[in-house]
Each structure stands twice: as C-alpha cells, then as structure tokens.
PDB file of N, CA and C in Angstrom:
ATOM      1  N   MET A   1       0.400   6.109   3.795  1.00  0.00           N
ATOM      2  CA  MET A   1       1.093   4.858   3.578  1.00  0.00           C
ATOM      3  C   MET A   1       0.533   3.830   4.562  1.00  0.00           C
ATOM      4  N   THR A   2       0.246   2.657   4.062  1.00  0.00           N
ATOM      5  CA  THR A   2      -0.240   1.559   4.894  1.00  0.00           C
ATOM      6  C   THR A   2       0.823   0.478   4.946  1.00  0.00           C
ATOM      7  N   ILE A   3       1.142   0.033   6.155  1.00  0.00           N
ATOM      8  CA  ILE A   3       2.084  -1.080   6.326  1.00  0.00           C
ATOM      9  C   ILE A   3       1.475  -2.069   7.310  1.00  0.00           C
ATOM     10  N   TRP A   4       2.007  -3.243   7.303  1.00  0.00           N
ATOM     11  CA  TRP A   4       1.560  -4.302   8.215  1.00  0.00           C
ATOM     12  C   TRP A   4       2.704  -4.625   9.158  1.00  0.00           C
ATOM     13  N   ILE A   5       2.436  -4.551  10.470  1.00  0.00           N
ATOM     14  CA  ILE A   5       3.438  -4.881  11.476  1.00  0.00           C
ATOM     15  C   ILE A   5       2.904  -6.053  12.277  1.00  0.00           C
ATOM     16  N   ASN A   6       3.581  -7.177  12.178  1.00  0.00           N
ATOM     17  CA  ASN A   6       3.134  -8.405  12.840  1.00  0.00           C
ATOM     18  C   ASN A   6       1.645  -8.653  12.564  1.00  0.00           C
ATOM     19  N   GLN A   7       1.281  -8.526  11.315  1.00  0.00           N
ATOM     20  CA  GLN A   7      -0.056  -8.808  10.783  1.00  0.00           C
ATOM     21  C   GLN A   7      -1.134  -7.823  11.223  1.00  0.00           C
ATOM     22  N   LYS A   8      -0.729  -6.648  11.730  1.00  0.00           N
ATOM     23  CA  LYS A   8      -1.689  -5.608  12.094  1.00  0.00           C
ATOM     24  C   LYS A   8      -1.448  -4.388  11.214  1.00  0.00           C
ATOM     25  N   LYS A   9      -2.532  -3.831  10.694  1.00  0.00           N
ATOM     26  CA  LYS A   9      -2.443  -2.696   9.782  1.00  0.00           C
ATOM     27  C   LYS A   9      -2.124  -1.414  10.551  1.00  0.00           C
ATOM     28  N   HIS A  10      -1.176  -0.630  10.002  1.00  0.00           N
ATOM     29  CA  HIS A  10      -0.797   0.666  10.555  1.00  0.00           C
ATOM     30  C   HIS A  10      -0.749   1.673   9.414  1.00  0.00           C
ATOM     31  N   HIS A  11      -1.080   2.926   9.731  1.00  0.00           N
ATOM     32  CA  HIS A  11      -1.062   3.995   8.733  1.00  0.00           C
ATOM     33  C   HIS A  11      -0.081   5.084   9.158  1.00  0.00           C
ATOM     34  N   TYR A  12       0.710   5.539   8.200  1.00  0.00           N
ATOM     35  CA  TYR A  12       1.650   6.636   8.434  1.00  0.00           C
ATOM     36  C   TYR A  12       1.555   7.599   7.257  1.00  0.00           C
ATOM     37  N   ASN A  13       1.731   8.883   7.532  1.00  0.00           N
ATOM     38  CA  ASN A  13       1.618   9.894   6.485  1.00  0.00           C
ATOM     39  C   ASN A  13       2.839   9.966   5.587  1.00  0.00           C
ATOM     40  N   ASP A  14       4.008   9.734   6.155  1.00  0.00           N
ATOM     41  CA  ASP A  14       5.255   9.891   5.410  1.00  0.00           C
ATOM     42  C   ASP A  14       6.035   8.590   5.361  1.00  0.00           C
ATOM     43  N   SER A  15       6.958   8.525   4.429  1.00  0.00           N
ATOM     44  CA  SER A  15       7.873   7.400   4.355  1.00  0.00           C
ATOM     45  C   SER A  15       8.808   7.450   5.566  1.00  0.00           C
ATOM     46  N   ILE A  16       9.074   6.278   6.152  1.00  0.00           N
ATOM     47  CA  ILE A  16       9.912   6.218   7.347  1.00  0.00           C
ATOM     48  C   ILE A  16      10.908   5.074   7.232  1.00  0.00           C
ATOM     49  N   THR A  17      11.978   5.187   8.007  1.00  0.00           N
ATOM     50  CA  THR A  17      12.961   4.111   8.073  1.00  0.00           C
ATOM     51  C   THR A  17      12.548   3.141   9.178  1.00  0.00           C
ATOM     52  N   ILE A  18      13.199   2.001   9.209  1.00  0.00           N
ATOM     53  CA  ILE A  18      12.939   1.039  10.285  1.00  0.00           C
ATOM     54  C   ILE A  18      13.265   1.670  11.629  1.00  0.00           C
ATOM     55  N   PHE A  19      14.379   2.386  11.711  1.00  0.00           N
ATOM     56  CA  PHE A  19      14.775   3.037  12.965  1.00  0.00           C
ATOM     57  C   PHE A  19      13.696   4.018  13.430  1.00  0.00           C
ATOM     58  N   GLN A  20      13.162   4.828  12.516  1.00  0.00           N
ATOM     59  CA  GLN A  20      12.104   5.775  12.867  1.00  0.00           C
ATOM     60  C   GLN A  20      10.834   5.048  13.305  1.00  0.00           C
ATOM     61  N   LEU A  21      10.521   3.957  12.631  1.00  0.00           N
ATOM     62  CA  LEU A  21       9.348   3.173  12.997  1.00  0.00           C
ATOM     63  C   LEU A  21       9.469   2.653  14.422  1.00  0.00           C
ATOM     64  N   LEU A  22      10.626   2.131  14.774  1.00  0.00           N
ATOM     65  CA  LEU A  22      10.825   1.614  16.123  1.00  0.00           C
ATOM     66  C   LEU A  22      10.674   2.720  17.170  1.00  0.00           C
ATOM     67  N   LYS A  23      11.137   3.928  16.865  1.00  0.00           N
ATOM     68  CA  LYS A  23      10.951   5.052  17.785  1.00  0.00           C
ATOM     69  C   LYS A  23       9.466   5.359  17.949  1.00  0.00           C
ATOM     70  N   LEU A  24       8.719   5.344  16.844  1.00  0.00           N
ATOM     71  CA  LEU A  24       7.278   5.608  16.914  1.00  0.00           C
ATOM     72  C   LEU A  24       6.546   4.530  17.720  1.00  0.00           C
ATOM     73  N   LEU A  25       7.039   3.306  17.655  1.00  0.00           N
ATOM     74  CA  LEU A  25       6.427   2.192  18.382  1.00  0.00           C
ATOM     75  C   LEU A  25       6.932   2.085  19.819  1.00  0.00           C
ATOM     76  N   ASN A  26       7.835   2.984  20.213  1.00  0.00           N
ATOM     77  CA  ASN A  26       8.454   2.960  21.547  1.00  0.00           C
ATOM     78  C   ASN A  26       9.151   1.641  21.829  1.00  0.00           C
ATOM     79  N   ASN A  27       9.805   1.104  20.829  1.00  0.00           N
ATOM     80  CA  ASN A  27      10.558  -0.140  20.980  1.00  0.00           C
ATOM     81  C   ASN A  27      12.009   0.226  21.277  1.00  0.00           C
ATOM     82  N   ASN A  28      12.594  -0.381  22.302  1.00  0.00           N
ATOM     83  CA  ASN A  28      13.959  -0.025  22.704  1.00  0.00           C
ATOM     84  C   ASN A  28      15.040  -0.615  21.805  1.00  0.00           C
ATOM     85  N   LYS A  29      14.659  -1.363  20.774  1.00  0.00           N
ATOM     86  CA  LYS A  29      15.573  -1.909  19.768  1.00  0.00           C
ATOM     87  C   LYS A  29      16.574  -2.909  20.326  1.00  0.00           C
ATOM     88  N   SER A  30      16.351  -3.391  21.531  1.00  0.00           N
ATOM     89  CA  SER A  30      17.263  -4.344  22.147  1.00  0.00           C
ATOM     90  C   SER A  30      16.700  -5.753  22.015  1.00  0.00           C
ATOM     91  N   GLY A  31      17.499  -6.662  21.507  1.00  0.00           N
ATOM     92  CA  GLY A  31      17.106  -8.065  21.430  1.00  0.00           C
ATOM     93  C   GLY A  31      15.998  -8.350  20.428  1.00  0.00           C
ATOM     94  N   ILE A  32      15.967  -7.583  19.329  1.00  0.00           N
ATOM     95  CA  ILE A  32      14.939  -7.838  18.326  1.00  0.00           C
ATOM     96  C   ILE A  32      15.572  -8.095  16.964  1.00  0.00           C
ATOM     97  N   ALA A  33      14.799  -8.730  16.118  1.00  0.00           N
ATOM     98  CA  ALA A  33      15.161  -8.909  14.710  1.00  0.00           C
ATOM     99  C   ALA A  33      13.988  -8.406  13.889  1.00  0.00           C
ATOM    100  N   ILE A  34      14.294  -7.869  12.711  1.00  0.00           N
ATOM    101  CA  ILE A  34      13.237  -7.318  11.861  1.00  0.00           C
ATOM    102  C   ILE A  34      13.365  -7.887  10.463  1.00  0.00           C
ATOM    103  N   ALA A  35      12.213  -8.312   9.939  1.00  0.00           N
ATOM    104  CA  ALA A  35      12.138  -8.760   8.550  1.00  0.00           C
ATOM    105  C   ALA A  35      11.123  -7.885   7.828  1.00  0.00           C
ATOM    106  N   VAL A  36      11.438  -7.515   6.611  1.00  0.00           N
ATOM    107  CA  VAL A  36      10.522  -6.770   5.763  1.00  0.00           C
ATOM    108  C   VAL A  36      10.234  -7.649   4.555  1.00  0.00           C
ATOM    109  N   ASN A  37       8.976  -7.987   4.375  1.00  0.00           N
ATOM    110  CA  ASN A  37       8.564  -8.886   3.292  1.00  0.00           C
ATOM    111  C   ASN A  37       9.372 -10.186   3.316  1.00  0.00           C
ATOM    112  N   ASN A  38       9.531 -10.732   4.508  1.00  0.00           N
ATOM    113  CA  ASN A  38      10.226 -12.011   4.754  1.00  0.00           C
ATOM    114  C   ASN A  38      11.727 -11.967   4.511  1.00  0.00           C
ATOM    115  N   ASN A  39      12.315 -10.779   4.428  1.00  0.00           N
ATOM    116  CA  ASN A  39      13.763 -10.631   4.291  1.00  0.00           C
ATOM    117  C   ASN A  39      14.304  -9.950   5.543  1.00  0.00           C
ATOM    118  N   VAL A  40      15.196 -10.633   6.258  1.00  0.00           N
ATOM    119  CA  VAL A  40      15.776 -10.064   7.473  1.00  0.00           C
ATOM    120  C   VAL A  40      16.662  -8.879   7.094  1.00  0.00           C
ATOM    121  N   ILE A  41      16.464  -7.775   7.819  1.00  0.00           N
ATOM    122  CA  ILE A  41      17.247  -6.561   7.578  1.00  0.00           C
ATOM    123  C   ILE A  41      18.275  -6.429   8.699  1.00  0.00           C
ATOM    124  N   PRO A  42      19.577  -6.412   8.354  1.00  0.00           N
ATOM    125  CA  PRO A  42      20.612  -6.290   9.390  1.00  0.00           C
ATOM    126  C   PRO A  42      20.450  -4.987  10.183  1.00  0.00           C
ATOM    127  N   LYS A  43      20.716  -5.060  11.467  1.00  0.00           N
ATOM    128  CA  LYS A  43      20.543  -3.919  12.365  1.00  0.00           C
ATOM    129  C   LYS A  43      21.326  -2.688  11.895  1.00  0.00           C
ATOM    130  N   ASN A  44      22.489  -2.894  11.302  1.00  0.00           N
ATOM    131  CA  ASN A  44      23.296  -1.750  10.866  1.00  0.00           C
ATOM    132  C   ASN A  44      22.700  -1.032   9.647  1.00  0.00           C
ATOM    133  N   LYS A  45      21.604  -1.539   9.086  1.00  0.00           N
ATOM    134  CA  LYS A  45      20.945  -0.891   7.940  1.00  0.00           C
ATOM    135  C   LYS A  45      19.602  -0.268   8.313  1.00  0.00           C
ATOM    136  N   TRP A  46      19.177  -0.395   9.573  1.00  0.00           N
ATOM    137  CA  TRP A  46      17.862   0.090   9.979  1.00  0.00           C
ATOM    138  C   TRP A  46      17.689   1.592   9.777  1.00  0.00           C
ATOM    139  N   ASP A  47      18.747   2.374   9.971  1.00  0.00           N
ATOM    140  CA  ASP A  47      18.603   3.830   9.850  1.00  0.00           C
ATOM    141  C   ASP A  47      18.528   4.301   8.403  1.00  0.00           C
ATOM    142  N   ALA A  48      18.847   3.449   7.442  1.00  0.00           N
ATOM    143  CA  ALA A  48      18.818   3.831   6.032  1.00  0.00           C
ATOM    144  C   ALA A  48      17.802   3.032   5.215  1.00  0.00           C
ATOM    145  N   PHE A  49      17.149   2.046   5.831  1.00  0.00           N
ATOM    146  CA  PHE A  49      16.206   1.193   5.111  1.00  0.00           C
ATOM    147  C   PHE A  49      14.802   1.792   5.205  1.00  0.00           C
ATOM    148  N   TYR A  50      14.296   2.284   4.080  1.00  0.00           N
ATOM    149  CA  TYR A  50      12.967   2.898   4.057  1.00  0.00           C
ATOM    150  C   TYR A  50      11.890   1.852   3.822  1.00  0.00           C
ATOM    151  N   ILE A  51      10.805   2.000   4.560  1.00  0.00           N
ATOM    152  CA  ILE A  51       9.651   1.122   4.441  1.00  0.00           C
ATOM    153  C   ILE A  51       8.741   1.680   3.359  1.00  0.00           C
ATOM    154  N   ASN A  52       8.199   0.789   2.527  1.00  0.00           N
ATOM    155  CA  ASN A  52       7.324   1.185   1.434  1.00  0.00           C
ATOM    156  C   ASN A  52       5.873   0.842   1.733  1.00  0.00           C
ATOM    157  N   ASN A  53       4.980   1.482   1.007  1.00  0.00           N
ATOM    158  CA  ASN A  53       3.556   1.212   1.146  1.00  0.00           C
ATOM    159  C   ASN A  53       3.275  -0.278   0.962  1.00  0.00           C
ATOM    160  N   GLU A  54       2.455  -0.819   1.846  1.00  0.00           N
ATOM    161  CA  GLU A  54       2.025  -2.219   1.843  1.00  0.00           C
ATOM    162  C   GLU A  54       3.121  -3.221   2.237  1.00  0.00           C
ATOM    163  N   ASP A  55       4.260  -2.740   2.741  1.00  0.00           N
ATOM    164  CA  ASP A  55       5.288  -3.667   3.237  1.00  0.00           C
ATOM    165  C   ASP A  55       4.752  -4.434   4.436  1.00  0.00           C
ATOM    166  N   LYS A  56       5.222  -5.645   4.565  1.00  0.00           N
ATOM    167  CA  LYS A  56       4.870  -6.499   5.697  1.00  0.00           C
ATOM    168  C   LYS A  56       6.098  -6.639   6.583  1.00  0.00           C
ATOM    169  N   ILE A  57       6.009  -6.081   7.789  1.00  0.00           N
ATOM    170  CA  ILE A  57       7.131  -6.063   8.714  1.00  0.00           C
ATOM    171  C   ILE A  57       6.865  -7.045   9.844  1.00  0.00           C
ATOM    172  N   THR A  58       7.878  -7.843  10.134  1.00  0.00           N
ATOM    173  CA  THR A  58       7.799  -8.769  11.261  1.00  0.00           C
ATOM    174  C   THR A  58       8.863  -8.357  12.266  1.00  0.00           C
ATOM    175  N   ILE A  59       8.432  -8.127  13.498  1.00  0.00           N
ATOM    176  CA  ILE A  59       9.357  -7.791  14.591  1.00  0.00           C
ATOM    177  C   ILE A  59       9.358  -8.962  15.544  1.00  0.00           C
ATOM    178  N   ILE A  60      10.534  -9.550  15.718  1.00  0.00           N
ATOM    179  CA  ILE A  60      10.680 -10.713  16.591  1.00  0.00           C
ATOM    180  C   ILE A  60      11.532 -10.295  17.780  1.00  0.00           C
ATOM    181  N   THR A  61      11.027 -10.573  18.977  1.00  0.00           N
ATOM    182  CA  THR A  61      11.744 -10.243  20.209  1.00  0.00           C
ATOM    183  C   THR A  61      12.337 -11.508  20.811  1.00  0.00           C
ATOM    184  N   ALA A  62      13.638 -11.443  21.118  1.00  0.00           N
ATOM    185  CA  ALA A  62      14.298 -12.577  21.770  1.00  0.00           C
ATOM    186  C   ALA A  62      13.832 -12.661  23.214  1.00  0.00           C
ATOM    187  N   THR A  63      13.662 -13.885  23.691  1.00  0.00           N
ATOM    188  CA  THR A  63      13.289 -14.092  25.097  1.00  0.00           C
ATOM    189  C   THR A  63      14.249 -15.082  25.721  1.00  0.00           C
ATOM    190  N   GLN A  64      14.384 -14.998  27.021  1.00  0.00           N
ATOM    191  CA  GLN A  64      15.221 -15.955  27.750  1.00  0.00           C
ATOM    192  C   GLN A  64      14.407 -17.169  28.113  1.00  0.00           C
ATOM    193  N   GLY A  65      15.088 -18.240  28.277  1.00  0.00           N
ATOM    194  CA  GLY A  65      14.394 -19.454  28.680  1.00  0.00           C
ATOM    195  C   GLY A  65      15.127 -20.672  28.157  1.00  0.00           C
ATOM    196  N   GLY A  66      14.540 -21.769  28.367  1.00  0.00           N
ATOM    197  CA  GLY A  66      15.215 -22.964  27.897  1.00  0.00           C
ATOM    198  C   GLY A  66      14.309 -24.146  27.831  1.00  0.00           C
TER     199      GLY A  66
END
C-alpha cells in the first residue's frame, strides 16, 4: 500500500488505522490534527479510520506563539 504523508510517499504492507500510523511514525498524538484526502478526521475516530491505498494524509502540529 502506498500513501502520501505531508506530500512524502510511504509504503506499508498492510492496511492500517490513523492511530496505528501515528505509532509507526513515533508521533505522540498531542496537539495535532489529521486530514485524509482534505477531510479532517476527528480524534475520536482515529482508532477505527482505516487508510486506503494512495490516500493523502496531512498531519498538522499546533505550535505556540503569537
């Protein structure tokens, strides 16, 4: 399976959920938002939302500042 994460190509052998993807990426899941194919996925659905081949995932990290 090929997916795009922040415009970079990644390959995975099996279908995975957003939650599993974040674990593989070593992301602590704090202060982020995720969109799949330009649709924001609510955090409470990450463990059940499966990523499909050729999906485009955007991970946005909140930062402090002003």
